[in-house]
Amino acid sequence: ALIWAPSAGNFQSRKFYFVFNEKVKRDLAEAALDQDFIAQAPLTIVGCFDKKKIDYYGERGRNLYSICDVSISIQNMMLVAEENNLGTCWVGAFDEKEIAKILNLPNNLRPIVIVPVGFPAEKPSPPPRVSNGQAIKEIK
């Protein structure tokens, strides 16, 4: 699901770190504003984009396409996880420099998202959404 997601120009400018190590997960949780559930998950995935691979598109590639590429891959993975009764949570609040340090990321990789994956203790109702009328504008 991660690998087969579409990407800008098919450059596939993304890399995913699958973290099983307990200490590393604790460090990630701390760098993510002490969101402890990150460390409690059996698997934590960190999605990064590769600045070198997306350079072809210049600033728009670095500031938009790269984030979209990682995001669509993670969305695919989250849908497959849900299909398999696994719980996930998109975490975007973290100290980017600290995450890079913890994972020893090379300079060309930028972390975009942290996603803990595990077995949910409960299945809460989805939060409310805006109506179709508020989200969609038809042009005829």
N, C-alpha and C. Protein backbone atom coordinates (compact mmCIF):
# COMPACT_ATOMS: atom_id res chain seq x y z
N ALA A 1 0.83 -1.20 0.00
CA ALA A 1 0.00 0.00 0.00
C ALA A 1 0.87 1.26 0.00
N LEU A 2 1.98 1.23 0.74
CA LEU A 2 2.88 2.38 0.76
C LEU A 2 3.58 2.58 -0.58
N ILE A 3 4.07 1.49 -1.12
CA ILE A 3 4.92 1.53 -2.30
C ILE A 3 4.13 1.81 -3.58
N TRP A 4 2.89 1.31 -3.65
CA TRP A 4 2.13 1.42 -4.89
C TRP A 4 1.30 2.69 -5.00
N ALA A 5 1.39 3.57 -4.04
CA ALA A 5 0.68 4.85 -4.13
C ALA A 5 1.27 5.68 -5.27
N PRO A 6 0.43 6.47 -5.94
CA PRO A 6 0.97 7.34 -7.00
C PRO A 6 1.92 8.38 -6.41
N SER A 7 2.77 8.93 -7.27
CA SER A 7 3.69 9.98 -6.82
C SER A 7 3.95 10.94 -7.98
N ALA A 8 4.30 12.15 -7.64
CA ALA A 8 4.56 13.18 -8.64
C ALA A 8 5.66 12.72 -9.59
N GLY A 9 5.35 12.69 -10.88
CA GLY A 9 6.33 12.29 -11.89
C GLY A 9 6.84 10.88 -11.72
N ASN A 10 6.19 10.09 -10.88
CA ASN A 10 6.64 8.74 -10.51
C ASN A 10 8.07 8.74 -9.97
N PHE A 11 8.46 9.85 -9.33
CA PHE A 11 9.79 9.93 -8.73
C PHE A 11 9.87 9.15 -7.42
N GLN A 12 8.71 8.84 -6.82
CA GLN A 12 8.66 8.06 -5.59
C GLN A 12 9.62 8.63 -4.54
N SER A 13 9.45 9.90 -4.29
CA SER A 13 10.36 10.63 -3.40
C SER A 13 9.98 10.47 -1.93
N ARG A 14 9.94 9.23 -1.48
CA ARG A 14 9.52 8.96 -0.10
C ARG A 14 10.31 7.78 0.46
N LYS A 15 10.40 7.78 1.78
CA LYS A 15 11.05 6.68 2.50
C LYS A 15 10.31 6.52 3.81
N PHE A 16 10.14 5.26 4.22
CA PHE A 16 9.39 4.96 5.43
C PHE A 16 10.25 4.17 6.39
N TYR A 17 10.25 4.62 7.63
CA TYR A 17 10.98 3.94 8.69
C TYR A 17 9.98 3.17 9.53
N PHE A 18 10.18 1.87 9.62
CA PHE A 18 9.34 1.00 10.45
C PHE A 18 10.08 0.79 11.77
N VAL A 19 9.56 1.35 12.84
CA VAL A 19 10.26 1.34 14.12
C VAL A 19 9.57 0.35 15.07
N PHE A 20 10.33 -0.66 15.47
CA PHE A 20 9.87 -1.65 16.44
C PHE A 20 10.61 -1.50 17.77
N ASN A 21 11.76 -0.85 17.74
CA ASN A 21 12.62 -0.69 18.91
C ASN A 21 11.91 0.16 19.97
N GLU A 22 11.79 -0.38 21.19
CA GLU A 22 11.05 0.29 22.27
C GLU A 22 11.67 1.63 22.66
N LYS A 23 12.97 1.69 22.78
CA LYS A 23 13.62 2.95 23.16
C LYS A 23 13.42 4.02 22.08
N VAL A 24 13.57 3.63 20.84
CA VAL A 24 13.39 4.59 19.75
C VAL A 24 11.95 5.08 19.71
N LYS A 25 10.98 4.18 19.93
CA LYS A 25 9.57 4.60 19.96
C LYS A 25 9.32 5.59 21.11
N ARG A 26 9.93 5.34 22.26
CA ARG A 26 9.79 6.28 23.39
C ARG A 26 10.39 7.65 23.04
N ASP A 27 11.55 7.63 22.39
CA ASP A 27 12.18 8.88 21.98
C ASP A 27 11.31 9.63 20.96
N LEU A 28 10.73 8.88 20.03
CA LEU A 28 9.83 9.50 19.05
C LEU A 28 8.63 10.14 19.74
N ALA A 29 8.05 9.41 20.70
CA ALA A 29 6.89 9.92 21.44
C ALA A 29 7.24 11.22 22.18
N GLU A 30 8.41 11.24 22.78
CA GLU A 30 8.84 12.44 23.50
C GLU A 30 9.02 13.61 22.54
N ALA A 31 9.60 13.34 21.36
CA ALA A 31 9.81 14.39 20.36
C ALA A 31 8.49 14.82 19.71
N ALA A 32 7.45 14.03 19.91
CA ALA A 32 6.13 14.35 19.37
C ALA A 32 5.24 14.89 20.49
N LEU A 33 5.79 15.84 21.25
CA LEU A 33 5.05 16.53 22.31
C LEU A 33 4.51 15.56 23.36
N ASP A 34 5.31 14.54 23.67
CA ASP A 34 4.98 13.55 24.71
C ASP A 34 3.67 12.80 24.44
N GLN A 35 3.42 12.49 23.19
CA GLN A 35 2.24 11.70 22.83
C GLN A 35 2.59 10.22 23.04
N ASP A 36 2.37 9.76 24.27
CA ASP A 36 2.84 8.44 24.71
C ASP A 36 2.27 7.27 23.94
N PHE A 37 1.10 7.43 23.32
CA PHE A 37 0.51 6.31 22.58
C PHE A 37 1.41 5.87 21.43
N ILE A 38 2.27 6.75 20.97
CA ILE A 38 3.23 6.40 19.91
C ILE A 38 4.15 5.27 20.38
N ALA A 39 4.62 5.38 21.61
CA ALA A 39 5.53 4.37 22.16
C ALA A 39 4.80 3.07 22.51
N GLN A 40 3.49 3.15 22.74
CA GLN A 40 2.73 1.96 23.14
C GLN A 40 2.38 1.06 21.95
N ALA A 41 2.40 1.58 20.75
CA ALA A 41 2.05 0.79 19.57
C ALA A 41 3.15 -0.22 19.27
N PRO A 42 2.77 -1.41 18.78
CA PRO A 42 3.79 -2.39 18.41
C PRO A 42 4.70 -1.92 17.26
N LEU A 43 4.14 -1.09 16.38
CA LEU A 43 4.88 -0.57 15.23
C LEU A 43 4.61 0.92 15.12
N THR A 44 5.66 1.68 14.86
CA THR A 44 5.50 3.10 14.56
C THR A 44 6.20 3.36 13.23
N ILE A 45 5.48 3.99 12.33
CA ILE A 45 6.01 4.30 11.00
C ILE A 45 6.28 5.79 10.91
N VAL A 46 7.45 6.15 10.41
CA VAL A 46 7.76 7.55 10.15
C VAL A 46 7.90 7.70 8.64
N GLY A 47 7.06 8.56 8.07
CA GLY A 47 7.09 8.82 6.64
C GLY A 47 7.91 10.06 6.34
N CYS A 48 8.86 9.92 5.43
CA CYS A 48 9.76 11.01 5.07
C CYS A 48 9.72 11.24 3.56
N PHE A 49 10.06 12.45 3.14
CA PHE A 49 10.27 12.66 1.71
C PHE A 49 11.74 12.91 1.45
N ASP A 50 12.13 12.56 0.22
CA ASP A 50 13.51 12.67 -0.21
C ASP A 50 13.67 13.92 -1.06
N LYS A 51 14.35 14.92 -0.52
CA LYS A 51 14.53 16.22 -1.21
C LYS A 51 15.25 16.06 -2.54
N LYS A 52 16.21 15.14 -2.61
CA LYS A 52 16.99 14.95 -3.84
C LYS A 52 16.11 14.44 -4.97
N LYS A 53 15.24 13.49 -4.66
CA LYS A 53 14.43 12.87 -5.71
C LYS A 53 13.39 13.82 -6.29
N ILE A 54 12.95 14.80 -5.52
CA ILE A 54 11.88 15.68 -5.97
C ILE A 54 12.42 17.01 -6.50
N ASP A 55 13.73 17.21 -6.51
CA ASP A 55 14.35 18.46 -6.95
C ASP A 55 13.95 18.87 -8.37
N TYR A 56 13.63 17.92 -9.20
CA TYR A 56 13.24 18.19 -10.58
C TYR A 56 12.14 19.25 -10.65
N TYR A 57 11.21 19.23 -9.68
CA TYR A 57 10.08 20.15 -9.67
C TYR A 57 10.34 21.44 -8.89
N GLY A 58 11.56 21.62 -8.44
CA GLY A 58 11.93 22.86 -7.75
C GLY A 58 11.17 23.07 -6.46
N GLU A 59 10.88 24.34 -6.16
CA GLU A 59 10.25 24.71 -4.89
C GLU A 59 8.87 24.05 -4.72
N ARG A 60 8.07 24.02 -5.77
CA ARG A 60 6.75 23.39 -5.68
C ARG A 60 6.88 21.89 -5.36
N GLY A 61 7.88 21.25 -5.90
CA GLY A 61 8.12 19.84 -5.60
C GLY A 61 8.48 19.63 -4.14
N ARG A 62 9.38 20.48 -3.63
CA ARG A 62 9.82 20.36 -2.23
C ARG A 62 8.72 20.75 -1.24
N ASN A 63 7.92 21.77 -1.57
CA ASN A 63 6.94 22.29 -0.62
C ASN A 63 5.54 21.70 -0.76
N LEU A 64 5.27 21.00 -1.86
CA LEU A 64 3.93 20.48 -2.06
C LEU A 64 3.92 19.02 -2.51
N TYR A 65 4.50 18.75 -3.67
CA TYR A 65 4.43 17.39 -4.23
C TYR A 65 4.99 16.35 -3.27
N SER A 66 6.11 16.68 -2.64
CA SER A 66 6.76 15.74 -1.74
C SER A 66 5.86 15.38 -0.56
N ILE A 67 5.18 16.38 -0.02
CA ILE A 67 4.27 16.14 1.11
C ILE A 67 3.07 15.32 0.65
N CYS A 68 2.56 15.64 -0.53
CA CYS A 68 1.44 14.86 -1.09
C CYS A 68 1.84 13.41 -1.32
N ASP A 69 3.04 13.18 -1.83
CA ASP A 69 3.50 11.82 -2.10
C ASP A 69 3.54 10.97 -0.84
N VAL A 70 4.10 11.52 0.23
CA VAL A 70 4.15 10.79 1.50
C VAL A 70 2.73 10.59 2.04
N SER A 71 1.92 11.63 1.95
CA SER A 71 0.56 11.59 2.50
C SER A 71 -0.30 10.53 1.83
N ILE A 72 -0.24 10.45 0.51
CA ILE A 72 -1.09 9.47 -0.18
C ILE A 72 -0.62 8.05 0.13
N SER A 73 0.68 7.86 0.28
CA SER A 73 1.19 6.54 0.66
C SER A 73 0.68 6.15 2.05
N ILE A 74 0.77 7.09 2.99
CA ILE A 74 0.33 6.82 4.36
C ILE A 74 -1.18 6.56 4.39
N GLN A 75 -1.95 7.35 3.62
CA GLN A 75 -3.40 7.13 3.56
C GLN A 75 -3.70 5.72 3.06
N ASN A 76 -3.01 5.29 2.00
CA ASN A 76 -3.19 3.92 1.51
C ASN A 76 -2.94 2.91 2.62
N MET A 77 -1.83 3.09 3.33
CA MET A 77 -1.46 2.17 4.40
C MET A 77 -2.52 2.18 5.51
N MET A 78 -3.02 3.35 5.86
CA MET A 78 -4.02 3.45 6.93
C MET A 78 -5.31 2.75 6.53
N LEU A 79 -5.69 2.83 5.27
CA LEU A 79 -6.90 2.15 4.80
C LEU A 79 -6.73 0.63 4.86
N VAL A 80 -5.56 0.15 4.45
CA VAL A 80 -5.29 -1.29 4.52
C VAL A 80 -5.24 -1.75 5.98
N ALA A 81 -4.65 -0.95 6.84
CA ALA A 81 -4.60 -1.28 8.26
C ALA A 81 -6.03 -1.41 8.82
N GLU A 82 -6.88 -0.46 8.51
CA GLU A 82 -8.28 -0.49 8.97
C GLU A 82 -8.99 -1.75 8.46
N GLU A 83 -8.75 -2.09 7.21
CA GLU A 83 -9.32 -3.30 6.62
C GLU A 83 -8.93 -4.55 7.40
N ASN A 84 -7.77 -4.49 8.02
CA ASN A 84 -7.23 -5.63 8.77
C ASN A 84 -7.40 -5.46 10.28
N ASN A 85 -8.35 -4.61 10.67
CA ASN A 85 -8.69 -4.38 12.08
C ASN A 85 -7.54 -3.85 12.92
N LEU A 86 -6.67 -3.09 12.29
CA LEU A 86 -5.59 -2.43 13.01
C LEU A 86 -5.95 -0.97 13.19
N GLY A 87 -5.45 -0.37 14.25
CA GLY A 87 -5.67 1.04 14.50
C GLY A 87 -4.44 1.84 14.10
N THR A 88 -4.68 3.03 13.60
CA THR A 88 -3.61 3.95 13.23
C THR A 88 -3.99 5.35 13.67
N CYS A 89 -3.02 6.23 13.71
CA CYS A 89 -3.29 7.63 14.05
C CYS A 89 -2.26 8.50 13.35
N TRP A 90 -2.73 9.47 12.58
CA TRP A 90 -1.84 10.41 11.91
C TRP A 90 -1.30 11.38 12.96
N VAL A 91 0.01 11.47 13.10
CA VAL A 91 0.62 12.40 14.05
C VAL A 91 1.52 13.34 13.25
N GLY A 92 1.16 14.61 13.27
CA GLY A 92 1.94 15.60 12.56
C GLY A 92 2.63 16.59 13.49
N ALA A 93 2.29 16.53 14.77
CA ALA A 93 2.87 17.45 15.74
C ALA A 93 4.13 16.83 16.35
N PHE A 94 5.29 17.29 15.88
CA PHE A 94 6.55 16.79 16.41
C PHE A 94 7.67 17.75 16.05
N ASP A 95 8.77 17.61 16.77
CA ASP A 95 9.98 18.39 16.51
C ASP A 95 10.75 17.69 15.40
N GLU A 96 10.68 18.28 14.22
CA GLU A 96 11.26 17.68 13.03
C GLU A 96 12.76 17.39 13.18
N LYS A 97 13.49 18.34 13.73
CA LYS A 97 14.93 18.17 13.90
C LYS A 97 15.24 17.04 14.88
N GLU A 98 14.43 16.93 15.91
CA GLU A 98 14.64 15.87 16.90
C GLU A 98 14.34 14.49 16.30
N ILE A 99 13.29 14.40 15.50
CA ILE A 99 12.96 13.12 14.83
C ILE A 99 14.10 12.73 13.90
N ALA A 100 14.61 13.70 13.14
CA ALA A 100 15.73 13.42 12.23
C ALA A 100 16.94 12.93 13.00
N LYS A 101 17.19 13.51 14.15
CA LYS A 101 18.32 13.10 15.00
C LYS A 101 18.11 11.69 15.54
N ILE A 102 16.93 11.41 16.05
CA ILE A 102 16.62 10.09 16.63
C ILE A 102 16.80 8.99 15.60
N LEU A 103 16.34 9.24 14.38
CA LEU A 103 16.41 8.22 13.32
C LEU A 103 17.70 8.30 12.51
N ASN A 104 18.55 9.28 12.86
CA ASN A 104 19.81 9.48 12.13
C ASN A 104 19.54 9.63 10.63
N LEU A 105 18.57 10.50 10.30
CA LEU A 105 18.19 10.70 8.90
C LEU A 105 19.29 11.45 8.15
N PRO A 106 19.55 11.05 6.92
CA PRO A 106 20.47 11.85 6.10
C PRO A 106 19.81 13.20 5.79
N ASN A 107 20.61 14.18 5.41
CA ASN A 107 20.11 15.54 5.17
C ASN A 107 19.04 15.62 4.09
N ASN A 108 19.01 14.67 3.16
CA ASN A 108 18.04 14.73 2.07
C ASN A 108 16.65 14.22 2.48
N LEU A 109 16.51 13.64 3.68
CA LEU A 109 15.21 13.15 4.11
C LEU A 109 14.59 14.09 5.14
N ARG A 110 13.29 14.37 4.95
CA ARG A 110 12.55 15.23 5.87
C ARG A 110 11.34 14.46 6.39
N PRO A 111 11.22 14.30 7.72
CA PRO A 111 10.06 13.59 8.27
C PRO A 111 8.79 14.43 8.14
N ILE A 112 7.71 13.78 7.70
CA ILE A 112 6.43 14.45 7.47
C ILE A 112 5.37 13.97 8.45
N VAL A 113 5.40 12.69 8.81
CA VAL A 113 4.33 12.12 9.62
C VAL A 113 4.85 10.95 10.44
N ILE A 114 4.22 10.77 11.60
CA ILE A 114 4.46 9.59 12.44
C ILE A 114 3.12 8.87 12.54
N VAL A 115 3.13 7.56 12.32
CA VAL A 115 1.89 6.79 12.41
C VAL A 115 2.11 5.55 13.27
N PRO A 116 1.60 5.56 14.51
CA PRO A 116 1.61 4.34 15.29
C PRO A 116 0.57 3.37 14.73
N VAL A 117 0.92 2.09 14.72
CA VAL A 117 0.02 1.05 14.21
C VAL A 117 -0.10 -0.03 15.27
N GLY A 118 -1.35 -0.39 15.60
CA GLY A 118 -1.52 -1.41 16.62
C GLY A 118 -2.93 -1.95 16.67
N PHE A 119 -3.23 -2.60 17.76
CA PHE A 119 -4.52 -3.23 17.97
C PHE A 119 -5.34 -2.32 18.89
N PRO A 120 -6.39 -1.69 18.37
CA PRO A 120 -7.13 -0.72 19.17
C PRO A 120 -7.90 -1.37 20.32
N ALA A 121 -7.87 -0.71 21.47
CA ALA A 121 -8.61 -1.19 22.64
C ALA A 121 -10.10 -0.90 22.47
N GLU A 122 -10.42 0.09 21.68
CA GLU A 122 -11.82 0.45 21.43
C GLU A 122 -11.94 0.98 20.01
N LYS A 123 -13.16 1.08 19.54
CA LYS A 123 -13.40 1.62 18.21
C LYS A 123 -14.36 2.80 18.35
N PRO A 124 -13.82 3.99 18.55
CA PRO A 124 -14.69 5.16 18.74
C PRO A 124 -15.44 5.53 17.47
N SER A 125 -16.52 6.24 17.64
CA SER A 125 -17.26 6.74 16.48
C SER A 125 -16.42 7.80 15.78
N PRO A 126 -16.59 7.90 14.46
CA PRO A 126 -15.82 8.92 13.75
C PRO A 126 -16.26 10.32 14.17
N PRO A 127 -15.34 11.27 14.15
CA PRO A 127 -15.70 12.65 14.50
C PRO A 127 -16.62 13.24 13.43
N PRO A 128 -17.36 14.27 13.78
CA PRO A 128 -18.26 14.88 12.78
C PRO A 128 -17.48 15.47 11.61
N ARG A 129 -18.12 15.51 10.48
CA ARG A 129 -17.54 16.08 9.27
C ARG A 129 -18.46 17.18 8.75
N VAL A 130 -17.89 18.08 7.95
CA VAL A 130 -18.72 19.09 7.32
C VAL A 130 -19.62 18.41 6.30
N SER A 131 -20.70 19.06 5.93
CA SER A 131 -21.63 18.49 4.95
C SER A 131 -21.01 18.52 3.56
N ASN A 132 -21.59 17.74 2.66
CA ASN A 132 -21.13 17.75 1.26
C ASN A 132 -21.25 19.16 0.70
N GLY A 133 -22.34 19.85 1.03
CA GLY A 133 -22.55 21.21 0.54
C GLY A 133 -21.47 22.17 0.98
N GLN A 134 -20.92 21.97 2.17
CA GLN A 134 -19.85 22.83 2.66
C GLN A 134 -18.50 22.49 2.04
N ALA A 135 -18.31 21.23 1.70
CA ALA A 135 -17.00 20.78 1.21
C ALA A 135 -16.89 20.77 -0.31
N ILE A 136 -18.03 20.69 -1.00
CA ILE A 136 -18.01 20.50 -2.46
C ILE A 136 -18.71 21.66 -3.15
N LYS A 137 -18.06 22.22 -4.15
CA LYS A 137 -18.66 23.26 -4.96
C LYS A 137 -18.78 22.71 -6.37
N GLU A 138 -19.99 22.56 -6.86
CA GLU A 138 -20.22 22.06 -8.22
C GLU A 138 -20.12 23.21 -9.21
N ILE A 139 -19.42 22.95 -10.29
CA ILE A 139 -19.32 23.93 -11.37
C ILE A 139 -19.92 23.27 -12.60
N LYS A 140 -21.02 23.86 -13.09
CA LYS A 140 -21.74 23.26 -14.24
C LYS A 140 -21.63 24.13 -15.46
